[in-house]
Amino acid sequence: MSIDLSSLNNVHRLLYSIPLRPIQGQRFQPTGFPGLGAATYQAADGLCLLVESTQSMANQLEAVCWDSGENKPISELEGISHVTVTRGGQFFTDTMLESHRLNSPYILEGKNSPFLKKLSEELGAADDGPIDRTKFAQILVKYDINSLIHGVFLAKSALAGGRLRVARALSAFIEAEGVRVAPSGGVKNDHVNPSGDTSKGFGNVPFARDEFTAELITLYVNIDLAMIRGYGLGKDLESLLILLSLFKVRALLKGGLRLRTACDFTTDCEDIVSTQSEKFTLPSEKDLCEALKGAIQRCQSHMICDTVTFEDKLPKKKAKEA
C-alpha cells in the first residue's frame, strides 16, 4: 500500500486540529508545573488551559512507538535506526526512551566515550565555520531517525563546538477553552493509626485537588514539511520521515491519550482532515503500517540499530547534611 503524498508538495506545514473529550465523565486533570500549578490563561473568548505541553506530547508520541515488554521498537517500526544502551550485558536504556535522544549521557558519556568519538569522527565538523546540515541529518538518520522528528541538541564541545541542533519537525499540544475549575479532594486513610504523625507518613491526610471541565478540548498537531525537505535527504527518506510522523499521530489517537490517571481522552472524529486548503486526510492505521513497511525497506541501507555499553557507575545522590 502506497500513500500519495504528492498533494503536500507545496505545503510547508501540515496542521491538524483534533477535538477531544474525556473518555468518561466531564472532568480531567491537566498537566501541572512547579510553583504554578495548572497553566490557565485569559484569551479573547474567555479562560483557557494548557492541558498538555509540547514537551510532554513529544514524550507521548515517542512512547507509542516503543514496546516496553520487549525493550525495542514496536513491530510496525522494525528496522528504524536507534541506539540501545546495555549495562552488565542487560538492556539499560535506548535513544527512543531518552529525553534528549542521542544527547543522552548514557550514550555520550561513560568510559572513554566511544560513541562520542565515533560521532566526532563521522561528522568531521570543526569548532567554528559552517555546519554541513545535510551530512548531520544523514548521521542522525543512520543512528536515530527519531532525532530528526522530535529534535536533538548535541551540546558537546567535541561535536562542532556544541552547535549541532535540530528543532522538532513534529510538535503537538492540547488546549482547552471555556474552562471551569471542578474542585474535589479526598483523604489518605490510615486504618491502623488515624492520628499518627503525618510528617512520617502515618495518620489520615485530607487533601484538595482541582480538576477542570471545558467547553472545547483540542489536540493541535504541526508537521513541519519544509523542515523535513530542508534536510536534503532525498525523496525516499523524506517520505519515511513524513509517514513516520503521521503514524505517530495515528498511534497516539488509537491508544496514547491516557495522559494521567484522571486525564484520559478520546476523539469522535473518524476522518481527521488537515486545516489547510489541500485537506489532507490522516491515513488509517492499516494504510500507514503498510506504507511504512515499504518506506523502511527502501531506506534500510541508510539506517543501523547500534548498541553501546554504559560501564560507569551511576552518580550517587549526595547525603543530606545533618
C-alpha atoms as a PDB file:
ATOM      1  CA  MET A   1       0.000   0.000   0.000  1.00  0.00           C
ATOM      2  CA  SER A   2       1.424   3.385  -1.004  1.00  0.00           C
ATOM      3  CA  ILE A   3       0.110   6.663   0.356  1.00  0.00           C
ATOM      4  CA  ASP A   4       0.110   9.518  -2.142  1.00  0.00           C
ATOM      5  CA  LEU A   5       1.989  12.430  -0.561  1.00  0.00           C
ATOM      6  CA  SER A   6       2.161  14.463  -3.776  1.00  0.00           C
ATOM      7  CA  SER A   7      -0.650  16.786  -2.673  1.00  0.00           C
ATOM      8  CA  LEU A   8       1.723  18.006   0.057  1.00  0.00           C
ATOM      9  CA  ASN A   9       4.500  19.046  -2.333  1.00  0.00           C
ATOM     10  CA  ASN A  10       3.723  22.757  -1.941  1.00  0.00           C
ATOM     11  CA  VAL A  11       2.610  22.609   1.686  1.00  0.00           C
ATOM     12  CA  HIS A  12       5.018  23.996   4.278  1.00  0.00           C
ATOM     13  CA  ARG A  13       3.173  22.843   7.416  1.00  0.00           C
ATOM     14  CA  LEU A  14       0.702  20.003   7.794  1.00  0.00           C
ATOM     15  CA  LEU A  15      -1.705  21.123  10.515  1.00  0.00           C
ATOM     16  CA  TYR A  16      -4.435  19.246  12.357  1.00  0.00           C
ATOM     17  CA  SER A  17      -6.916  20.446  14.982  1.00  0.00           C
ATOM     18  CA  ILE A  18      -8.491  17.353  16.529  1.00  0.00           C
ATOM     19  CA  PRO A  19     -11.364  17.707  19.019  1.00  0.00           C
ATOM     20  CA  LEU A  20     -11.063  15.557  22.133  1.00  0.00           C
ATOM     21  CA  ARG A  21     -13.336  14.699  25.043  1.00  0.00           C
ATOM     22  CA  PRO A  22     -12.829  12.876  28.343  1.00  0.00           C
ATOM     23  CA  ILE A  23     -13.380   9.180  27.777  1.00  0.00           C
ATOM     24  CA  GLN A  24     -15.657   9.128  30.850  1.00  0.00           C
ATOM     25  CA  GLY A  25     -17.480  11.944  32.586  1.00  0.00           C
ATOM     26  CA  GLN A  26     -16.596  15.588  32.037  1.00  0.00           C
ATOM     27  CA  ARG A  27     -13.677  16.243  34.376  1.00  0.00           C
ATOM     28  CA  PHE A  28      -9.978  15.960  33.574  1.00  0.00           C
ATOM     29  CA  GLN A  29      -6.701  16.728  35.307  1.00  0.00           C
ATOM     30  CA  PRO A  30      -4.315  18.939  33.293  1.00  0.00           C
ATOM     31  CA  THR A  31      -0.554  18.971  33.497  1.00  0.00           C
ATOM     32  CA  GLY A  32       0.858  20.960  36.406  1.00  0.00           C
ATOM     33  CA  PHE A  33       4.028  22.996  36.738  1.00  0.00           C
ATOM     34  CA  PRO A  34       6.153  23.593  39.876  1.00  0.00           C
ATOM     35  CA  GLY A  35       5.239  26.873  41.513  1.00  0.00           C
ATOM     36  CA  LEU A  36       2.437  27.429  39.011  1.00  0.00           C
ATOM     37  CA  GLY A  37       0.029  24.516  39.088  1.00  0.00           C
ATOM     38  CA  ALA A  38      -2.417  24.319  36.205  1.00  0.00           C
ATOM     39  CA  ALA A  39      -1.464  26.629  33.320  1.00  0.00           C
ATOM     40  CA  THR A  40      -4.595  28.719  32.858  1.00  0.00           C
ATOM     41  CA  TYR A  41      -4.577  31.884  30.774  1.00  0.00           C
ATOM     42  CA  GLN A  42      -7.033  34.508  29.619  1.00  0.00           C
ATOM     43  CA  ALA A  43      -7.824  34.544  25.896  1.00  0.00           C
ATOM     44  CA  ALA A  44     -10.181  36.761  23.925  1.00  0.00           C
ATOM     45  CA  ASP A  45     -13.013  34.227  24.285  1.00  0.00           C
ATOM     46  CA  GLY A  46     -12.530  33.503  27.970  1.00  0.00           C
ATOM     47  CA  LEU A  47     -10.458  31.346  30.272  1.00  0.00           C
ATOM     48  CA  CYS A  48      -8.265  28.724  28.575  1.00  0.00           C
ATOM     49  CA  LEU A  49      -5.991  25.984  29.834  1.00  0.00           C
ATOM     50  CA  LEU A  50      -2.858  24.250  28.615  1.00  0.00           C
ATOM     51  CA  VAL A  51      -3.807  20.612  29.137  1.00  0.00           C
ATOM     52  CA  GLU A  52      -0.570  19.100  27.800  1.00  0.00           C
ATOM     53  CA  SER A  53       2.609  20.895  26.745  1.00  0.00           C
ATOM     54  CA  THR A  54       4.619  20.424  23.571  1.00  0.00           C
ATOM     55  CA  GLN A  55       7.430  18.790  25.544  1.00  0.00           C
ATOM     56  CA  SER A  56       5.099  16.298  27.186  1.00  0.00           C
ATOM     57  CA  MET A  57       3.340  15.475  23.922  1.00  0.00           C
ATOM     58  CA  ALA A  58       6.712  14.667  22.350  1.00  0.00           C
ATOM     59  CA  ASN A  59       7.160  12.057  25.082  1.00  0.00           C
ATOM     60  CA  GLN A  60       3.700  10.650  24.347  1.00  0.00           C
ATOM     61  CA  LEU A  61       4.396  10.483  20.603  1.00  0.00           C
ATOM     62  CA  GLU A  62       7.636   8.620  21.242  1.00  0.00           C
ATOM     63  CA  ALA A  63       6.113   6.248  23.787  1.00  0.00           C
ATOM     64  CA  VAL A  64       3.553   4.840  21.307  1.00  0.00           C
ATOM     65  CA  CYS A  65       6.467   3.573  19.185  1.00  0.00           C
ATOM     66  CA  TRP A  66       8.152   1.551  21.940  1.00  0.00           C
ATOM     67  CA  ASP A  67       7.389  -1.996  23.086  1.00  0.00           C
ATOM     68  CA  SER A  68       8.211  -1.853  26.807  1.00  0.00           C
ATOM     69  CA  GLY A  69       7.705  -5.602  27.208  1.00  0.00           C
ATOM     70  CA  GLU A  70      10.321  -6.435  24.584  1.00  0.00           C
ATOM     71  CA  ASN A  71      12.550  -3.363  25.106  1.00  0.00           C
ATOM     72  CA  LYS A  72      12.602  -2.499  21.426  1.00  0.00           C
ATOM     73  CA  PRO A  73      10.567  -0.539  18.850  1.00  0.00           C
ATOM     74  CA  ILE A  74       7.100  -1.879  18.100  1.00  0.00           C
ATOM     75  CA  SER A  75       6.962  -4.458  15.305  1.00  0.00           C
ATOM     76  CA  GLU A  76       5.464  -1.962  12.830  1.00  0.00           C
ATOM     77  CA  LEU A  77       8.707   0.051  13.037  1.00  0.00           C
ATOM     78  CA  GLU A  78      11.164  -2.825  12.847  1.00  0.00           C
ATOM     79  CA  GLY A  79      14.282  -1.660  11.046  1.00  0.00           C
ATOM     80  CA  ILE A  80      14.299   2.021  12.016  1.00  0.00           C
ATOM     81  CA  SER A  81      17.550   3.319  13.453  1.00  0.00           C
ATOM     82  CA  HIS A  82      18.039   3.709  17.206  1.00  0.00           C
ATOM     83  CA  VAL A  83      20.798   3.161  19.755  1.00  0.00           C
ATOM     84  CA  THR A  84      20.349   0.668  22.579  1.00  0.00           C
ATOM     85  CA  VAL A  85      22.408   1.022  25.755  1.00  0.00           C
ATOM     86  CA  THR A  86      23.351  -2.062  27.735  1.00  0.00           C
ATOM     87  CA  ARG A  87      24.885  -2.349  31.185  1.00  0.00           C
ATOM     88  CA  GLY A  88      26.283  -5.585  32.547  1.00  0.00           C
ATOM     89  CA  GLY A  89      25.062  -7.316  29.413  1.00  0.00           C
ATOM     90  CA  GLN A  90      21.457  -6.301  30.100  1.00  0.00           C
ATOM     91  CA  PHE A  91      19.183  -3.727  28.488  1.00  0.00           C
ATOM     92  CA  PHE A  92      19.636  -0.345  30.173  1.00  0.00           C
ATOM     93  CA  THR A  93      18.019   2.350  28.020  1.00  0.00           C
ATOM     94  CA  ASP A  94      17.548   3.445  24.411  1.00  0.00           C
ATOM     95  CA  THR A  95      17.545   6.662  22.388  1.00  0.00           C
ATOM     96  CA  MET A  96      13.796   6.167  21.896  1.00  0.00           C
ATOM     97  CA  LEU A  97      13.346   6.426  25.666  1.00  0.00           C
ATOM     98  CA  GLU A  98      15.834   9.163  26.458  1.00  0.00           C
ATOM     99  CA  SER A  99      14.531  12.743  26.739  1.00  0.00           C
ATOM    100  CA  HIS A 100      17.460  14.077  24.708  1.00  0.00           C
ATOM    101  CA  ARG A 101      17.782  11.071  22.424  1.00  0.00           C
ATOM    102  CA  LEU A 102      21.385  10.869  21.112  1.00  0.00           C
ATOM    103  CA  ASN A 103      22.473  13.529  23.597  1.00  0.00           C
ATOM    104  CA  SER A 104      21.793  11.152  26.483  1.00  0.00           C
ATOM    105  CA  PRO A 105      24.684  10.994  28.985  1.00  0.00           C
ATOM    106  CA  TYR A 106      24.316   7.196  28.963  1.00  0.00           C
ATOM    107  CA  ILE A 107      25.337   7.279  25.306  1.00  0.00           C
ATOM    108  CA  LEU A 108      27.836  10.123  25.059  1.00  0.00           C
ATOM    109  CA  GLU A 109      29.462   9.762  28.471  1.00  0.00           C
ATOM    110  CA  GLY A 110      30.877   6.611  30.048  1.00  0.00           C
ATOM    111  CA  LYS A 111      34.309   5.015  29.951  1.00  0.00           C
ATOM    112  CA  ASN A 112      36.394   6.504  27.118  1.00  0.00           C
ATOM    113  CA  SER A 113      33.170   7.802  25.466  1.00  0.00           C
ATOM    114  CA  PRO A 114      33.453   5.545  22.362  1.00  0.00           C
ATOM    115  CA  PHE A 115      30.176   6.659  20.784  1.00  0.00           C
ATOM    116  CA  LEU A 116      31.078  10.335  21.218  1.00  0.00           C
ATOM    117  CA  LYS A 117      34.368   9.674  19.405  1.00  0.00           C
ATOM    118  CA  LYS A 118      32.527   7.822  16.645  1.00  0.00           C
ATOM    119  CA  LEU A 119      30.143  10.738  16.090  1.00  0.00           C
ATOM    120  CA  SER A 120      33.001  13.236  16.132  1.00  0.00           C
ATOM    121  CA  GLU A 121      34.935  11.282  13.501  1.00  0.00           C
ATOM    122  CA  GLU A 122      31.919  10.833  11.229  1.00  0.00           C
ATOM    123  CA  LEU A 123      30.800  14.457  11.488  1.00  0.00           C
ATOM    124  CA  GLY A 124      34.265  15.879  10.969  1.00  0.00           C
ATOM    125  CA  ALA A 125      32.940  19.303  11.959  1.00  0.00           C
ATOM    126  CA  ALA A 126      35.248  21.981  13.324  1.00  0.00           C
ATOM    127  CA  ASP A 127      34.505  24.123  16.376  1.00  0.00           C
ATOM    128  CA  ASP A 128      33.854  27.078  14.080  1.00  0.00           C
ATOM    129  CA  GLY A 129      32.754  27.563  10.499  1.00  0.00           C
ATOM    130  CA  PRO A 130      29.569  26.429   8.762  1.00  0.00           C
ATOM    131  CA  ILE A 131      27.972  23.079   9.565  1.00  0.00           C
ATOM    132  CA  ASP A 132      27.091  20.677   6.774  1.00  0.00           C
ATOM    133  CA  ARG A 133      23.416  20.282   7.717  1.00  0.00           C
ATOM    134  CA  THR A 134      22.735  17.507   5.210  1.00  0.00           C
ATOM    135  CA  LYS A 135      25.668  15.451   6.488  1.00  0.00           C
ATOM    136  CA  PHE A 136      24.470  15.989  10.049  1.00  0.00           C
ATOM    137  CA  ALA A 137      20.954  14.864   9.061  1.00  0.00           C
ATOM    138  CA  GLN A 138      22.364  11.777   7.326  1.00  0.00           C
ATOM    139  CA  ILE A 139      24.206  10.787  10.503  1.00  0.00           C
ATOM    140  CA  LEU A 140      21.047  11.265  12.565  1.00  0.00           C
ATOM    141  CA  VAL A 141      19.156   9.057  10.108  1.00  0.00           C
ATOM    142  CA  LYS A 142      21.899   6.449  10.450  1.00  0.00           C
ATOM    143  CA  TYR A 143      21.830   6.242  14.245  1.00  0.00           C
ATOM    144  CA  ASP A 144      18.499   7.648  15.447  1.00  0.00           C
ATOM    145  CA  ILE A 145      15.949   8.772  12.856  1.00  0.00           C
ATOM    146  CA  ASN A 146      13.571   9.984  15.576  1.00  0.00           C
ATOM    147  CA  SER A 147      16.031  12.787  16.345  1.00  0.00           C
ATOM    148  CA  LEU A 148      15.004  14.365  13.028  1.00  0.00           C
ATOM    149  CA  ILE A 149      11.352  14.224  14.073  1.00  0.00           C
ATOM    150  CA  HIS A 150      11.498  15.189  17.749  1.00  0.00           C
ATOM    151  CA  GLY A 151      14.672  17.266  17.666  1.00  0.00           C
ATOM    152  CA  VAL A 152      18.082  16.924  19.283  1.00  0.00           C
ATOM    153  CA  PHE A 153      20.788  19.201  20.682  1.00  0.00           C
ATOM    154  CA  LEU A 154      24.242  17.634  20.810  1.00  0.00           C
ATOM    155  CA  ALA A 155      25.617  20.001  23.434  1.00  0.00           C
ATOM    156  CA  LYS A 156      29.150  18.626  23.408  1.00  0.00           C
ATOM    157  CA  SER A 157      32.192  20.784  22.670  1.00  0.00           C
ATOM    158  CA  ALA A 158      33.761  17.811  20.873  1.00  0.00           C
ATOM    159  CA  LEU A 159      30.891  17.914  18.358  1.00  0.00           C
ATOM    160  CA  ALA A 160      31.280  21.113  16.317  1.00  0.00           C
ATOM    161  CA  GLY A 161      31.708  23.132  19.479  1.00  0.00           C
ATOM    162  CA  GLY A 162      28.279  22.154  20.766  1.00  0.00           C
ATOM    163  CA  ARG A 163      26.408  23.791  17.865  1.00  0.00           C
ATOM    164  CA  LEU A 164      24.625  20.741  16.440  1.00  0.00           C
ATOM    165  CA  ARG A 165      20.935  21.281  16.919  1.00  0.00           C
ATOM    166  CA  VAL A 166      17.727  20.207  15.180  1.00  0.00           C
ATOM    167  CA  ALA A 167      14.318  21.588  16.135  1.00  0.00           C
ATOM    168  CA  ARG A 168      11.169  19.467  16.294  1.00  0.00           C
ATOM    169  CA  ALA A 169       9.652  18.640  12.920  1.00  0.00           C
ATOM    170  CA  LEU A 170       6.610  17.139  14.661  1.00  0.00           C
ATOM    171  CA  SER A 171       5.052  19.071  17.512  1.00  0.00           C
ATOM    172  CA  ALA A 172       1.735  18.840  19.314  1.00  0.00           C
ATOM    173  CA  PHE A 173      -0.069  20.268  22.315  1.00  0.00           C
ATOM    174  CA  ILE A 174      -3.528  20.114  23.884  1.00  0.00           C
ATOM    175  CA  GLU A 175      -5.522  23.199  24.865  1.00  0.00           C
ATOM    176  CA  ALA A 176      -8.944  23.617  26.414  1.00  0.00           C
ATOM    177  CA  GLU A 177     -11.318  26.563  26.002  1.00  0.00           C
ATOM    178  CA  GLY A 178     -14.151  27.740  28.211  1.00  0.00           C
ATOM    179  CA  VAL A 179     -12.670  26.016  31.241  1.00  0.00           C
ATOM    180  CA  ARG A 180     -14.045  25.931  34.771  1.00  0.00           C
ATOM    181  CA  VAL A 181     -12.497  24.566  37.925  1.00  0.00           C
ATOM    182  CA  ALA A 182     -14.046  21.381  39.287  1.00  0.00           C
ATOM    183  CA  PRO A 183     -12.744  21.254  42.884  1.00  0.00           C
ATOM    184  CA  SER A 184     -12.572  17.900  44.608  1.00  0.00           C
ATOM    185  CA  GLY A 185     -10.448  16.119  47.144  1.00  0.00           C
ATOM    186  CA  GLY A 186     -10.001  13.046  49.243  1.00  0.00           C
ATOM    187  CA  VAL A 187      -8.133  11.583  52.162  1.00  0.00           C
ATOM    188  CA  LYS A 188      -5.240   9.199  52.566  1.00  0.00           C
ATOM    189  CA  ASN A 189      -6.592   6.850  55.217  1.00  0.00           C
ATOM    190  CA  ASP A 190      -4.501   5.110  57.870  1.00  0.00           C
ATOM    191  CA  HIS A 191      -6.756   2.398  59.282  1.00  0.00           C
ATOM    192  CA  VAL A 192      -4.067   1.373  61.782  1.00  0.00           C
ATOM    193  CA  ASN A 193      -3.260   4.731  63.353  1.00  0.00           C
ATOM    194  CA  PRO A 194      -5.535   7.522  62.045  1.00  0.00           C
ATOM    195  CA  SER A 195      -3.977  10.158  64.329  1.00  0.00           C
ATOM    196  CA  GLY A 196      -0.364   9.172  63.645  1.00  0.00           C
ATOM    197  CA  ASP A 197       2.489  11.544  62.793  1.00  0.00           C
ATOM    198  CA  THR A 198       1.679  12.679  59.246  1.00  0.00           C
ATOM    199  CA  SER A 199       5.207  14.067  58.753  1.00  0.00           C
ATOM    200  CA  LYS A 200       6.437  10.466  58.843  1.00  0.00           C
ATOM    201  CA  GLY A 201       3.721   9.098  56.603  1.00  0.00           C
ATOM    202  CA  PHE A 202       1.321   7.945  59.312  1.00  0.00           C
ATOM    203  CA  GLY A 203      -2.217   9.140  60.061  1.00  0.00           C
ATOM    204  CA  ASN A 204      -5.131  10.313  57.943  1.00  0.00           C
ATOM    205  CA  VAL A 205      -4.209  13.045  55.467  1.00  0.00           C
ATOM    206  CA  PRO A 206      -7.027  15.000  53.773  1.00  0.00           C
ATOM    207  CA  PHE A 207      -6.199  16.787  50.527  1.00  0.00           C
ATOM    208  CA  ALA A 208      -7.836  19.073  47.994  1.00  0.00           C
ATOM    209  CA  ARG A 209      -7.490  18.771  44.227  1.00  0.00           C
ATOM    210  CA  ASP A 210      -8.616  20.928  41.333  1.00  0.00           C
ATOM    211  CA  GLU A 211      -9.744  19.260  38.141  1.00  0.00           C
ATOM    212  CA  PHE A 212     -11.355  21.050  35.197  1.00  0.00           C
ATOM    213  CA  THR A 213     -14.244  20.926  32.773  1.00  0.00           C
ATOM    214  CA  ALA A 214     -14.138  22.553  29.348  1.00  0.00           C
ATOM    215  CA  GLU A 215     -16.419  23.529  26.502  1.00  0.00           C
ATOM    216  CA  LEU A 216     -13.797  22.503  23.934  1.00  0.00           C
ATOM    217  CA  ILE A 217     -10.615  20.417  24.137  1.00  0.00           C
ATOM    218  CA  THR A 218      -8.346  20.331  21.095  1.00  0.00           C
ATOM    219  CA  LEU A 219      -5.210  18.436  20.134  1.00  0.00           C
ATOM    220  CA  TYR A 220      -3.139  20.589  17.781  1.00  0.00           C
ATOM    221  CA  VAL A 221      -0.570  18.871  15.537  1.00  0.00           C
ATOM    222  CA  ASN A 222       2.074  20.543  13.378  1.00  0.00           C
ATOM    223  CA  ILE A 223       4.272  18.568  10.972  1.00  0.00           C
ATOM    224  CA  ASP A 224       6.911  20.887   9.533  1.00  0.00           C
ATOM    225  CA  LEU A 225       7.244  19.590   5.978  1.00  0.00           C
ATOM    226  CA  ALA A 226       9.540  22.438   4.944  1.00  0.00           C
ATOM    227  CA  MET A 227      11.993  21.442   7.675  1.00  0.00           C
ATOM    228  CA  ILE A 228      11.916  17.802   6.597  1.00  0.00           C
ATOM    229  CA  ARG A 229      12.590  18.762   2.971  1.00  0.00           C
ATOM    230  CA  GLY A 230      15.330  21.123   4.136  1.00  0.00           C
ATOM    231  CA  TYR A 231      17.387  18.219   5.449  1.00  0.00           C
ATOM    232  CA  GLY A 232      18.258  17.444   1.826  1.00  0.00           C
ATOM    233  CA  LEU A 233      17.946  13.685   2.277  1.00  0.00           C
ATOM    234  CA  GLY A 234      16.142  12.805  -0.944  1.00  0.00           C
ATOM    235  CA  LYS A 235      12.590  11.668  -1.679  1.00  0.00           C
ATOM    236  CA  ASP A 236      12.718   8.231  -0.060  1.00  0.00           C
ATOM    237  CA  LEU A 237      13.931   9.473   3.319  1.00  0.00           C
ATOM    238  CA  GLU A 238      11.627  12.491   3.130  1.00  0.00           C
ATOM    239  CA  SER A 239       8.670  10.164   2.637  1.00  0.00           C
ATOM    240  CA  LEU A 240       9.812   7.940   5.502  1.00  0.00           C
ATOM    241  CA  LEU A 241      10.016  10.899   7.895  1.00  0.00           C
ATOM    242  CA  ILE A 242       6.564  12.157   6.886  1.00  0.00           C
ATOM    243  CA  LEU A 243       4.979   8.697   7.127  1.00  0.00           C
ATOM    244  CA  LEU A 244       6.627   8.078  10.497  1.00  0.00           C
ATOM    245  CA  SER A 245       5.278  11.403  11.787  1.00  0.00           C
ATOM    246  CA  LEU A 246       1.765  10.596  10.546  1.00  0.00           C
ATOM    247  CA  PHE A 247       1.977   7.117  12.086  1.00  0.00           C
ATOM    248  CA  LYS A 248       2.896   8.579  15.480  1.00  0.00           C
ATOM    249  CA  VAL A 249      -0.188  10.829  15.395  1.00  0.00           C
ATOM    250  CA  ARG A 250      -2.453   7.949  14.394  1.00  0.00           C
ATOM    251  CA  ALA A 251      -0.975   5.644  17.074  1.00  0.00           C
ATOM    252  CA  LEU A 252      -1.417   8.373  19.691  1.00  0.00           C
ATOM    253  CA  LEU A 253      -5.091   8.748  18.820  1.00  0.00           C
ATOM    254  CA  LYS A 254      -5.595   5.000  18.938  1.00  0.00           C
ATOM    255  CA  GLY A 255      -4.305   4.370  22.421  1.00  0.00           C
ATOM    256  CA  GLY A 256      -1.908   7.001  23.696  1.00  0.00           C
ATOM    257  CA  LEU A 257      -4.250   9.640  25.079  1.00  0.00           C
ATOM    258  CA  ARG A 258      -4.333   8.431  28.673  1.00  0.00           C
ATOM    259  CA  LEU A 259      -2.038  11.171  29.885  1.00  0.00           C
ATOM    260  CA  ARG A 260      -2.659  10.675  33.609  1.00  0.00           C
ATOM    261  CA  THR A 261      -4.955   8.621  35.823  1.00  0.00           C
ATOM    262  CA  ALA A 262      -7.546  11.406  35.773  1.00  0.00           C
ATOM    263  CA  CYS A 263      -6.781  12.618  32.253  1.00  0.00           C
ATOM    264  CA  ASP A 264      -7.919  10.135  29.624  1.00  0.00           C
ATOM    265  CA  PHE A 265      -9.166  11.406  26.257  1.00  0.00           C
ATOM    266  CA  THR A 266     -10.684  10.060  23.079  1.00  0.00           C
ATOM    267  CA  THR A 267     -11.888  11.580  19.823  1.00  0.00           C
ATOM    268  CA  ASP A 268     -15.133  11.060  17.934  1.00  0.00           C
ATOM    269  CA  CYS A 269     -13.592  12.118  14.613  1.00  0.00           C
ATOM    270  CA  GLU A 270     -13.499   9.343  12.032  1.00  0.00           C
ATOM    271  CA  ASP A 271     -11.986  11.394   9.222  1.00  0.00           C
ATOM    272  CA  ILE A 272      -9.230  13.662  10.524  1.00  0.00           C
ATOM    273  CA  VAL A 273      -8.585  16.305   7.893  1.00  0.00           C
ATOM    274  CA  SER A 274      -5.862  18.946   7.882  1.00  0.00           C
ATOM    275  CA  THR A 275      -6.877  22.567   8.322  1.00  0.00           C
ATOM    276  CA  GLN A 276      -5.192  23.711   5.098  1.00  0.00           C
ATOM    277  CA  SER A 277      -6.997  24.143   1.823  1.00  0.00           C
ATOM    278  CA  GLU A 278      -5.466  20.902   0.485  1.00  0.00           C
ATOM    279  CA  LYS A 279      -7.499  18.963   3.109  1.00  0.00           C
ATOM    280  CA  PHE A 280      -5.061  16.094   3.535  1.00  0.00           C
ATOM    281  CA  THR A 281      -6.775  13.303   5.485  1.00  0.00           C
ATOM    282  CA  LEU A 282      -4.768  11.476   8.135  1.00  0.00           C
ATOM    283  CA  PRO A 283      -4.396   7.951   6.701  1.00  0.00           C
ATOM    284  CA  SER A 284      -5.730   4.930   8.545  1.00  0.00           C
ATOM    285  CA  GLU A 285      -3.507   2.878  10.825  1.00  0.00           C
ATOM    286  CA  LYS A 286      -3.611  -0.047   8.402  1.00  0.00           C
ATOM    287  CA  ASP A 287      -2.554   2.058   5.412  1.00  0.00           C
ATOM    288  CA  LEU A 288       0.208   3.758   7.391  1.00  0.00           C
ATOM    289  CA  CYS A 289       1.598   0.450   8.643  1.00  0.00           C
ATOM    290  CA  GLU A 290       1.773  -0.946   5.107  1.00  0.00           C
ATOM    291  CA  ALA A 291       3.275   2.237   3.657  1.00  0.00           C
ATOM    292  CA  LEU A 292       5.816   2.484   6.488  1.00  0.00           C
ATOM    293  CA  LYS A 293       6.977  -1.082   5.967  1.00  0.00           C
ATOM    294  CA  GLY A 294       7.813  -0.327   2.353  1.00  0.00           C
ATOM    295  CA  ALA A 295       9.424   3.022   3.189  1.00  0.00           C
ATOM    296  CA  ILE A 296      11.652   1.434   5.862  1.00  0.00           C
ATOM    297  CA  GLN A 297      12.746  -1.267   3.424  1.00  0.00           C
ATOM    298  CA  ARG A 298      13.639   1.315   0.767  1.00  0.00           C
ATOM    299  CA  CYS A 299      15.720   3.290   3.272  1.00  0.00           C
ATOM    300  CA  GLN A 300      17.240   0.339   5.137  1.00  0.00           C
ATOM    301  CA  SER A 301      20.747   0.963   3.773  1.00  0.00           C
ATOM    302  CA  HIS A 302      20.770   4.396   5.447  1.00  0.00           C
ATOM    303  CA  MET A 303      19.966   3.111   8.965  1.00  0.00           C
ATOM    304  CA  ILE A 304      21.532   0.871  11.581  1.00  0.00           C
ATOM    305  CA  CYS A 305      20.496  -0.378  15.009  1.00  0.00           C
ATOM    306  CA  ASP A 306      23.566   0.273  17.151  1.00  0.00           C
ATOM    307  CA  THR A 307      24.421  -0.834  20.681  1.00  0.00           C
ATOM    308  CA  VAL A 308      26.669   0.879  23.211  1.00  0.00           C
ATOM    309  CA  THR A 309      27.704  -0.186  26.699  1.00  0.00           C
ATOM    310  CA  PHE A 310      27.410   2.084  29.705  1.00  0.00           C
ATOM    311  CA  GLU A 311      30.087   0.951  32.142  1.00  0.00           C
ATOM    312  CA  ASP A 312      30.324   3.857  34.562  1.00  0.00           C
ATOM    313  CA  LYS A 313      28.672   3.802  37.945  1.00  0.00           C
ATOM    314  CA  LEU A 314      25.543   5.861  38.261  1.00  0.00           C
ATOM    315  CA  PRO A 315      26.103   9.165  40.080  1.00  0.00           C
ATOM    316  CA  LYS A 316      25.378   8.867  43.759  1.00  0.00           C
ATOM    317  CA  LYS A 317      22.927  11.153  45.476  1.00  0.00           C
ATOM    318  CA  LYS A 318      24.520  13.494  47.960  1.00  0.00           C
ATOM    319  CA  ALA A 319      23.710  12.696  51.570  1.00  0.00           C
ATOM    320  CA  LYS A 320      21.671  15.297  53.377  1.00  0.00           C
ATOM    321  CA  GLU A 321      23.607  17.359  55.852  1.00  0.00           C
ATOM    322  CA  ALA A 322      22.680  16.841  59.472  1.00  0.00           C
END
